[in-house]
Amino acid sequence: MSIANYDLSKEIANLLVDPKAYTDLDRLHATYTWARANNPVGRATADGHDPFWVITTHADVSAISRDNVLFHNGDYSVVCRPKASIDHVLATTGSPNIVRALVHLDGDEHKNLRALTQSWFMPNSILKLDDRIRTLARAITGKLQQQNGEVIDFANDVALHYPLHVIMDILGVPQEDAPRMLTLTQELFGSEDAEYKREKQRQGEVDSAMGKALMSVVADFKDYFERLTEERRTNPRNDVASLLANAVVNGEPIDEVSRLGYYIIIATAGHDTTSSSTSVAMWALSRFPALLPRLQADPSLIPQFVDEALRYASPVRHFMRTATADTEIRGRTIRKGDWLMLCYGSANRDEAVFPEPFEFNIDRKPNRHLAFGFGSHVCLGQHLAKMELRILFEELIPRLKQVEPAGEMDFIASSFVSGPKHLPVRCVMQ
């Protein structure tokens, strides 16, 4: 069978790289559903992009994620961006990736750097954060009590800020600098969204403008974290910034590029994806009235509610992998150097794993979602994210009388990390 038989249509290929497509989830998931049934390992040739394979089933996404020898993160861009954008970053930094964080590393280098902070995010370690997180959750509940019955933008006014304050505490960023971190995160992950992207991105050639804007955001991160590093070398504290400022691997201090990547991945992914799942959980409470009384009657179901919100949200839309040798997947010949898109949103709607995948069902147990990825690159902060969501809804659900939708949920235009940008709801409190 020739490779042409595996080709996805130009329409599908262009949809998968179009940031606006990720604001229309019905259309996106219809495409994923068709691909899982008809071409689960399809080759895409999108305008302005290098060709890539599109991986849509839970089994294949899991298998590729598990095999870190055959499929590398760092050999080419881990995000599917226009070729001109990647070329600009490559020419500027010598790497196809704008930073050098854990998600861009492979093998022992990834293992050794991940080990630096892993203990900070393990279940036993984050237990000490319970009081701090619960205090924040109670403050949110109190604010909603003051706004009783008013229409609020839950995504923008609540969900964005709750996990942000938690991760800033862990990292060691002063709370007065949290708004700056939020803006930079939105500009990094929302670089394709008109509401978030930098003005610089609108100048110059369209395809390379994204790379230029992203490099500008990284430069601002670098400026901030270089100052923080110097401060923590002089006055170390019990926080991750002090650990990174003074980190040593194999007897040598970690290099500046790796340190910056580490700071950025924690400062951004440490809250952005959690806020998206928080909004989707509230959306579910507003759209499915039977959920709230059930959770109030049995609070032990809240962890399952959280897991289902994570599956449903799937805020990381994709990561890319690069084949290190020729191989086969479902009879398709994948060549060394080929680029593969792992579609987590599709894997989390796979009918083979999740019966009635488009239903919001808190009774899925086990819930084998891939919202945090899989394998050695599984999200470092997965336990913290679940804890934050659980505590917020443990505090909020008993005090809610009713949640009503007050408009449609609006999504960030991004093919990489995307979640609710606006969620208008009316909360009636007890």
Protein backbone atom coordinates (compact mmCIF):
# COMPACT_ATOMS: atom_id res chain seq x y z
CA MET A 1 0.00 0.00 0.00
CA SER A 2 1.47 3.37 -0.95
CA ILE A 3 1.84 6.18 1.55
CA ALA A 4 -0.87 8.11 -0.28
CA ASN A 5 -3.42 5.66 1.15
CA TYR A 6 -2.48 6.89 4.61
CA ASP A 7 -2.69 10.58 3.78
CA LEU A 8 -5.26 12.68 5.58
CA SER A 9 -7.12 15.22 3.49
CA LYS A 10 -5.68 18.71 3.20
CA GLU A 11 -8.78 19.97 5.01
CA ILE A 12 -8.06 17.76 8.05
CA ALA A 13 -4.33 18.51 7.97
CA ASN A 14 -4.95 22.26 7.99
CA LEU A 15 -7.62 21.96 10.69
CA LEU A 16 -5.20 20.24 13.06
CA VAL A 17 -2.73 23.13 12.90
CA ASP A 18 -5.35 25.90 12.90
CA PRO A 19 -5.56 27.49 16.38
CA LYS A 20 -9.17 28.55 15.76
CA ALA A 21 -10.16 24.90 15.24
CA TYR A 22 -9.47 24.33 18.95
CA THR A 23 -12.21 26.79 19.86
CA ASP A 24 -14.82 24.68 18.02
CA LEU A 25 -14.67 21.43 19.95
CA ASP A 26 -17.63 19.82 18.15
CA ARG A 27 -15.86 20.10 14.81
CA LEU A 28 -12.49 19.11 16.27
CA HIS A 29 -13.85 16.00 17.97
CA ALA A 30 -15.84 15.01 14.88
CA THR A 31 -12.50 15.02 13.04
CA TYR A 32 -10.80 13.00 15.77
CA THR A 33 -13.66 10.48 15.82
CA TRP A 34 -13.45 10.01 12.05
CA ALA A 35 -9.67 9.59 12.24
CA ARG A 36 -9.83 6.96 15.01
CA ALA A 37 -12.30 4.93 12.96
CA ASN A 38 -10.82 5.39 9.49
CA ASN A 39 -7.18 6.49 9.65
CA PRO A 40 -5.80 6.35 13.20
CA VAL A 41 -2.20 6.81 12.02
CA GLY A 42 -2.64 9.26 9.17
CA ARG A 43 -0.06 11.42 7.43
CA ALA A 44 -0.79 15.16 7.39
CA THR A 45 0.68 17.74 5.03
CA ALA A 46 -0.56 21.09 6.29
CA ASP A 47 0.19 24.37 4.56
CA GLY A 48 3.43 25.91 5.83
CA HIS A 49 4.27 22.93 8.06
CA ASP A 50 6.59 19.97 7.87
CA PRO A 51 4.65 16.71 7.25
CA PHE A 52 3.65 14.78 10.36
CA TRP A 53 1.82 11.63 11.40
CA VAL A 54 -1.40 12.11 13.39
CA ILE A 55 -1.84 9.63 16.26
CA THR A 56 -5.41 9.55 17.56
CA THR A 57 -6.07 6.34 19.55
CA HIS A 58 -5.46 5.85 23.25
CA ALA A 59 -3.43 2.68 22.62
CA ASP A 60 -1.08 4.29 20.11
CA VAL A 61 -0.59 7.52 22.06
CA SER A 62 0.22 5.43 25.15
CA ALA A 63 2.61 3.11 23.31
CA ILE A 64 4.56 5.95 21.69
CA SER A 65 4.72 7.84 25.00
CA ARG A 66 6.09 4.75 26.70
CA ASP A 67 8.90 4.16 24.18
CA ASN A 68 11.39 6.96 24.84
CA VAL A 69 14.16 5.22 22.90
CA LEU A 70 12.32 4.95 19.59
CA PHE A 71 10.44 8.22 19.93
CA HIS A 72 12.33 11.29 21.13
CA ASN A 73 11.06 14.60 22.45
CA GLY A 74 14.07 16.78 21.74
CA ASP A 75 15.18 15.92 18.22
CA TYR A 76 12.74 18.38 16.65
CA SER A 77 10.06 20.77 17.91
CA VAL A 78 7.75 19.25 20.53
CA VAL A 79 5.03 21.64 19.37
CA CYS A 80 3.58 21.60 15.85
CA ARG A 81 4.39 25.10 14.65
CA PRO A 82 4.88 26.51 11.14
CA LYS A 83 8.19 25.56 9.56
CA ALA A 84 9.21 29.22 9.23
CA SER A 85 8.63 29.73 12.94
CA ILE A 86 10.71 26.67 13.86
CA ASP A 87 13.43 27.74 11.42
CA HIS A 88 13.57 31.17 13.07
CA VAL A 89 13.96 29.62 16.53
CA LEU A 90 16.56 27.18 15.20
CA ALA A 91 18.58 29.97 13.60
CA THR A 92 18.39 32.05 16.79
CA THR A 93 19.06 29.40 19.44
CA GLY A 94 20.58 26.44 17.61
CA SER A 95 17.61 24.36 18.77
CA PRO A 96 14.16 23.82 17.23
CA ASN A 97 12.60 24.49 20.65
CA ILE A 98 12.31 27.96 22.19
CA VAL A 99 13.49 26.70 25.60
CA ARG A 100 15.22 23.60 26.92
CA ALA A 101 12.83 22.25 29.52
CA LEU A 102 12.02 18.72 30.73
CA VAL A 103 9.58 18.18 27.86
CA HIS A 104 12.42 18.78 25.37
CA LEU A 105 14.88 16.30 26.91
CA ASP A 106 15.46 12.58 26.53
CA GLY A 107 17.29 9.73 28.22
CA ASP A 108 19.54 10.24 31.24
CA GLU A 109 19.56 14.01 30.83
CA HIS A 110 15.78 14.10 31.26
CA LYS A 111 15.90 11.60 34.13
CA ASN A 112 18.61 13.48 36.05
CA LEU A 113 17.04 16.92 35.68
CA ARG A 114 13.56 15.66 36.54
CA ALA A 115 14.95 14.07 39.71
CA LEU A 116 16.05 17.50 40.96
CA THR A 117 12.51 18.60 41.83
CA GLN A 118 10.46 15.40 41.66
CA SER A 119 10.30 15.02 45.44
CA TRP A 120 8.66 18.46 45.71
CA PHE A 121 5.65 17.22 43.73
CA MET A 122 5.16 13.74 45.19
CA PRO A 123 1.97 13.04 47.20
CA ASN A 124 3.72 13.00 50.59
CA SER A 125 5.44 16.32 49.92
CA ILE A 126 2.39 18.24 48.72
CA LEU A 127 0.37 17.24 51.80
CA LYS A 128 2.08 20.10 53.64
CA LEU A 129 0.40 22.48 51.17
CA ASP A 130 -3.10 21.40 52.21
CA ASP A 131 -3.67 24.31 54.60
CA ARG A 132 -2.38 26.92 52.13
CA ILE A 133 -4.47 25.54 49.27
CA ARG A 134 -7.55 25.19 51.45
CA THR A 135 -7.19 28.79 52.60
CA LEU A 136 -7.16 29.92 48.97
CA ALA A 137 -10.17 27.71 48.18
CA ARG A 138 -12.11 29.16 51.12
CA ALA A 139 -11.28 32.69 49.98
CA ILE A 140 -12.73 31.88 46.55
CA THR A 141 -15.85 30.46 48.19
CA GLY A 142 -16.16 33.60 50.30
CA LYS A 143 -15.85 35.80 47.22
CA LEU A 144 -18.59 33.84 45.45
CA GLN A 145 -20.74 34.24 48.57
CA GLN A 146 -20.32 38.03 48.27
CA GLN A 147 -21.30 37.84 44.59
CA ASN A 148 -24.25 35.56 45.34
CA GLY A 149 -26.51 35.33 42.32
CA GLU A 150 -24.39 37.60 40.12
CA VAL A 151 -23.05 36.55 36.74
CA ILE A 152 -19.30 35.99 36.96
CA ASP A 153 -16.65 34.94 34.46
CA PHE A 154 -15.44 31.90 36.37
CA ALA A 155 -12.60 31.08 33.96
CA ASN A 156 -11.08 34.56 33.92
CA ASP A 157 -11.91 35.76 37.44
CA VAL A 158 -11.48 32.58 39.50
CA ALA A 159 -9.90 29.60 37.75
CA LEU A 160 -6.95 31.55 36.32
CA HIS A 161 -5.78 32.79 39.70
CA TYR A 162 -6.31 29.89 42.11
CA PRO A 163 -3.57 27.48 40.92
CA LEU A 164 -1.34 30.42 39.97
CA HIS A 165 -0.94 31.44 43.61
CA VAL A 166 -0.17 27.86 44.65
CA ILE A 167 2.61 27.30 42.11
CA MET A 168 4.13 30.73 42.79
CA ASP A 169 4.44 29.74 46.47
CA ILE A 170 6.22 26.49 45.54
CA LEU A 171 8.49 28.15 43.01
CA GLY A 172 9.28 31.09 45.28
CA VAL A 173 7.93 33.92 43.12
CA PRO A 174 6.53 36.77 45.27
CA GLN A 175 2.75 36.97 45.03
CA GLU A 176 2.96 40.56 43.78
CA ASP A 177 4.75 39.19 40.70
CA ALA A 178 2.07 36.56 40.00
CA PRO A 179 0.16 38.80 37.53
CA ARG A 180 3.36 39.18 35.50
CA MET A 181 3.80 35.39 35.41
CA LEU A 182 0.18 35.01 34.32
CA THR A 183 0.61 37.47 31.45
CA LEU A 184 3.78 35.78 30.24
CA THR A 185 2.10 32.35 30.45
CA GLN A 186 -0.83 33.56 28.37
CA GLU A 187 1.55 35.05 25.80
CA LEU A 188 3.53 31.79 25.66
CA PHE A 189 0.67 29.28 25.47
CA GLY A 190 -1.83 31.66 23.87
CA SER A 191 0.56 32.98 21.24
CA GLU A 192 -1.97 32.12 18.52
CA ASP A 193 -4.91 33.83 20.26
CA ALA A 194 -5.71 37.44 19.32
CA GLU A 195 -6.54 38.29 22.95
CA TYR A 196 -3.20 37.08 24.31
CA LYS A 197 -0.56 37.27 21.58
CA ARG A 198 2.08 39.95 21.61
CA GLU A 199 1.81 42.95 19.32
CA LYS A 200 5.20 41.98 17.83
CA GLN A 201 3.66 38.82 16.45
CA ARG A 202 1.43 40.88 14.17
CA GLN A 203 4.43 42.38 12.41
CA GLY A 204 6.56 40.84 9.68
CA GLU A 205 5.82 37.64 7.83
CA VAL A 206 2.96 35.65 9.30
CA ASP A 207 4.70 32.26 9.55
CA SER A 208 7.90 33.48 11.20
CA ALA A 209 6.15 36.06 13.41
CA MET A 210 5.12 33.41 15.92
CA GLY A 211 8.71 32.35 16.48
CA LYS A 212 9.80 35.97 16.95
CA ALA A 213 7.03 36.65 19.47
CA LEU A 214 7.77 33.49 21.44
CA MET A 215 11.46 34.36 21.63
CA SER A 216 10.45 37.77 22.97
CA VAL A 217 8.36 36.16 25.71
CA VAL A 218 11.24 33.84 26.65
CA ALA A 219 13.56 36.86 26.86
CA ASP A 220 11.24 38.43 29.43
CA PHE A 221 11.13 35.19 31.43
CA LYS A 222 14.94 35.07 31.30
CA ASP A 223 15.30 38.60 32.57
CA TYR A 224 13.00 37.89 35.51
CA PHE A 225 14.47 34.53 36.50
CA GLU A 226 18.08 35.66 36.22
CA ARG A 227 17.34 38.25 38.89
CA LEU A 228 15.55 35.65 41.02
CA THR A 229 18.50 33.24 40.66
CA GLU A 230 21.00 35.82 41.87
CA GLU A 231 18.78 36.65 44.84
CA ARG A 232 18.37 32.99 45.80
CA ARG A 233 22.09 32.33 45.56
CA THR A 234 22.62 35.11 48.07
CA ASN A 235 19.57 34.36 50.24
CA PRO A 236 18.43 30.74 49.67
CA ARG A 237 15.03 29.71 51.00
CA ASN A 238 12.95 26.57 51.15
CA ASP A 239 11.57 26.87 47.62
CA VAL A 240 12.17 25.46 44.15
CA ALA A 241 13.85 28.68 42.94
CA SER A 242 16.58 28.22 45.57
CA LEU A 243 17.00 24.60 44.52
CA LEU A 244 17.35 25.50 40.84
CA ALA A 245 19.62 28.49 41.49
CA ASN A 246 22.08 26.19 43.25
CA ALA A 247 21.38 22.88 41.47
CA VAL A 248 24.17 20.42 40.72
CA VAL A 249 23.89 17.33 38.48
CA ASN A 250 26.72 14.80 38.23
CA GLY A 251 28.97 17.13 40.20
CA GLU A 252 28.43 20.12 37.88
CA PRO A 253 26.07 23.11 38.18
CA ILE A 254 23.24 22.89 35.68
CA ASP A 255 23.67 25.19 32.71
CA GLU A 256 21.78 28.47 32.37
CA VAL A 257 19.64 27.27 29.46
CA SER A 258 18.41 24.20 31.36
CA ARG A 259 17.75 26.31 34.46
CA LEU A 260 15.67 28.81 32.49
CA GLY A 261 13.67 26.01 30.87
CA TYR A 262 13.02 24.49 34.28
CA TYR A 263 11.79 27.79 35.69
CA ILE A 264 9.50 28.36 32.71
CA ILE A 265 7.93 24.89 32.67
CA ILE A 266 7.05 25.14 36.37
CA ALA A 267 5.91 28.77 36.20
CA THR A 268 3.61 28.13 33.23
CA ALA A 269 2.47 24.51 33.04
CA GLY A 270 2.29 24.51 36.82
CA HIS A 271 -0.94 26.47 36.77
CA ASP A 272 -2.31 26.97 33.25
CA THR A 273 -3.55 23.44 32.60
CA THR A 274 -5.00 23.20 36.13
CA SER A 275 -7.01 26.38 35.65
CA SER A 276 -8.45 24.96 32.41
CA SER A 277 -9.61 21.78 34.15
CA THR A 278 -11.05 23.83 37.02
CA SER A 279 -13.20 25.77 34.56
CA VAL A 280 -14.40 22.61 32.81
CA ALA A 281 -15.39 21.14 36.17
CA MET A 282 -17.49 24.23 36.94
CA TRP A 283 -18.95 24.11 33.43
CA ALA A 284 -20.06 20.51 34.12
CA LEU A 285 -21.77 21.58 37.36
CA SER A 286 -23.64 24.29 35.46
CA ARG A 287 -24.68 22.06 32.55
CA PHE A 288 -25.62 18.86 34.38
CA PRO A 289 -27.90 19.81 37.32
CA ALA A 290 -27.95 16.29 38.79
CA LEU A 291 -24.20 16.45 39.48
CA LEU A 292 -24.26 18.98 42.33
CA PRO A 293 -26.77 17.23 44.63
CA ARG A 294 -25.05 13.91 44.01
CA LEU A 295 -21.64 15.28 45.00
CA GLN A 296 -23.16 17.03 48.01
CA ALA A 297 -24.73 13.78 49.15
CA ASP A 298 -21.49 11.84 48.67
CA PRO A 299 -18.34 14.02 48.79
CA SER A 300 -16.18 10.89 48.38
CA LEU A 301 -17.09 11.12 44.67
CA ILE A 302 -15.22 14.44 44.26
CA PRO A 303 -11.91 12.78 43.23
CA GLN A 304 -13.77 10.92 40.46
CA PHE A 305 -15.44 14.18 39.46
CA VAL A 306 -11.98 15.75 39.23
CA ASP A 307 -10.61 12.91 37.09
CA GLU A 308 -13.52 13.19 34.68
CA ALA A 309 -13.03 16.96 34.42
CA LEU A 310 -9.37 16.34 33.56
CA ARG A 311 -10.32 13.80 30.88
CA TYR A 312 -12.97 16.07 29.44
CA ALA A 313 -10.73 19.16 29.44
CA SER A 314 -7.52 17.57 28.03
CA PRO A 315 -5.94 21.05 28.07
CA VAL A 316 -2.67 19.91 26.47
CA ARG A 317 -3.94 19.31 22.94
CA HIS A 318 -0.80 17.68 21.59
CA PHE A 319 2.89 17.01 21.90
CA MET A 320 5.15 15.98 19.04
CA ARG A 321 7.61 13.08 18.96
CA THR A 322 10.38 12.31 16.45
CA ALA A 323 11.17 8.74 15.35
CA THR A 324 14.80 7.75 15.94
CA ALA A 325 14.67 4.72 13.61
CA ASP A 326 12.41 3.14 11.01
CA THR A 327 9.42 1.36 12.58
CA GLU A 328 5.81 0.37 11.92
CA ILE A 329 2.58 1.45 13.57
CA ARG A 330 -0.62 -0.23 12.40
CA GLY A 331 1.14 -1.27 9.20
CA ARG A 332 2.33 2.24 8.41
CA THR A 333 6.06 2.61 7.86
CA ILE A 334 7.38 5.40 10.04
CA ARG A 335 10.81 6.55 8.86
CA LYS A 336 13.68 7.77 11.01
CA GLY A 337 13.22 11.51 11.50
CA ASP A 338 9.46 11.44 10.95
CA TRP A 339 7.40 13.78 13.13
CA LEU A 340 4.38 12.44 15.08
CA MET A 341 1.53 14.39 16.68
CA LEU A 342 0.11 12.75 19.83
CA CYS A 343 -3.51 13.94 20.08
CA TYR A 344 -4.42 13.68 23.76
CA GLY A 345 -7.91 15.09 23.29
CA SER A 346 -8.64 12.31 20.81
CA ALA A 347 -7.11 9.60 23.01
CA ASN A 348 -9.32 10.78 25.88
CA ARG A 349 -12.44 10.29 23.73
CA ASP A 350 -11.41 6.87 22.42
CA GLU A 351 -14.47 4.62 22.38
CA ALA A 352 -12.28 1.56 22.92
CA VAL A 353 -11.33 2.84 26.39
CA PHE A 354 -14.17 5.18 27.39
CA PRO A 355 -17.72 3.96 26.74
CA GLU A 356 -19.91 6.89 25.66
CA PRO A 357 -16.81 9.11 25.59
CA PHE A 358 -18.72 12.36 25.06
CA GLU A 359 -20.75 11.89 28.23
CA PHE A 360 -19.47 13.58 31.40
CA ASN A 361 -19.57 10.53 33.65
CA ILE A 362 -18.01 10.59 37.11
CA ASP A 363 -18.50 6.83 37.49
CA ARG A 364 -15.59 5.95 35.20
CA LYS A 365 -13.35 3.82 37.37
CA PRO A 366 -10.58 3.44 36.61
CA ASN A 367 -10.45 6.57 34.49
CA ARG A 368 -7.45 5.94 32.26
CA HIS A 369 -7.26 9.42 30.79
CA LEU A 370 -4.02 10.83 29.38
CA ALA A 371 -4.55 14.45 30.41
CA PHE A 372 -1.16 14.37 32.15
CA GLY A 373 0.56 12.41 29.40
CA PHE A 374 2.04 8.96 29.95
CA GLY A 375 5.38 7.28 30.51
CA SER A 376 8.56 8.94 31.74
CA HIS A 377 7.37 12.38 30.58
CA VAL A 378 4.13 12.24 32.57
CA CYS A 379 3.36 15.65 34.10
CA LEU A 380 5.58 16.37 37.09
CA GLY A 381 2.75 18.24 38.84
CA GLN A 382 -0.09 15.75 38.30
CA HIS A 383 -0.61 15.04 42.01
CA LEU A 384 -0.59 18.73 42.87
CA ALA A 385 -3.12 19.50 40.13
CA LYS A 386 -5.52 16.82 41.38
CA MET A 387 -5.10 18.03 44.95
CA GLU A 388 -5.86 21.65 43.99
CA LEU A 389 -9.00 20.64 42.11
CA ARG A 390 -10.16 18.30 44.86
CA ILE A 391 -9.71 20.87 47.64
CA LEU A 392 -11.43 23.67 45.72
CA PHE A 393 -14.53 21.59 45.09
CA GLU A 394 -14.51 20.10 48.60
CA GLU A 395 -14.84 23.68 49.85
CA LEU A 396 -17.15 24.96 47.14
CA ILE A 397 -19.67 22.16 46.54
CA PRO A 398 -21.22 22.09 50.05
CA ARG A 399 -21.86 25.84 49.84
CA LEU A 400 -23.37 25.88 46.36
CA LYS A 401 -27.11 25.85 46.02
CA GLN A 402 -27.16 26.10 42.24
CA VAL A 403 -24.87 26.85 39.29
CA GLU A 404 -26.46 28.15 36.12
CA PRO A 405 -24.87 28.80 32.73
CA ALA A 406 -25.01 32.47 31.78
CA GLY A 407 -23.49 32.14 28.33
CA GLU A 408 -21.25 29.88 26.29
CA MET A 409 -17.79 28.70 27.29
CA ASP A 410 -15.20 30.43 25.09
CA PHE A 411 -11.90 28.67 24.37
CA ILE A 412 -8.37 29.96 23.79
CA ALA A 413 -7.33 29.71 20.15
CA SER A 414 -4.30 27.44 20.43
CA SER A 415 -3.37 24.11 18.90
CA PHE A 416 -0.95 23.37 21.76
CA VAL A 417 -2.40 24.26 25.19
CA SER A 418 -5.99 25.43 25.15
CA GLY A 419 -8.74 25.73 27.70
CA PRO A 420 -11.67 27.95 28.61
CA LYS A 421 -10.92 31.66 28.27
CA HIS A 422 -14.33 32.81 29.45
CA LEU A 423 -17.03 30.91 31.35
CA PRO A 424 -20.02 33.03 32.38
CA VAL A 425 -22.01 31.40 35.18
CA ARG A 426 -24.36 32.41 37.97
CA CYS A 427 -23.59 30.87 41.34
CA VAL A 428 -26.35 30.78 43.94
CA MET A 429 -24.87 30.04 47.36
CA GLN A 430 -26.41 28.31 50.38
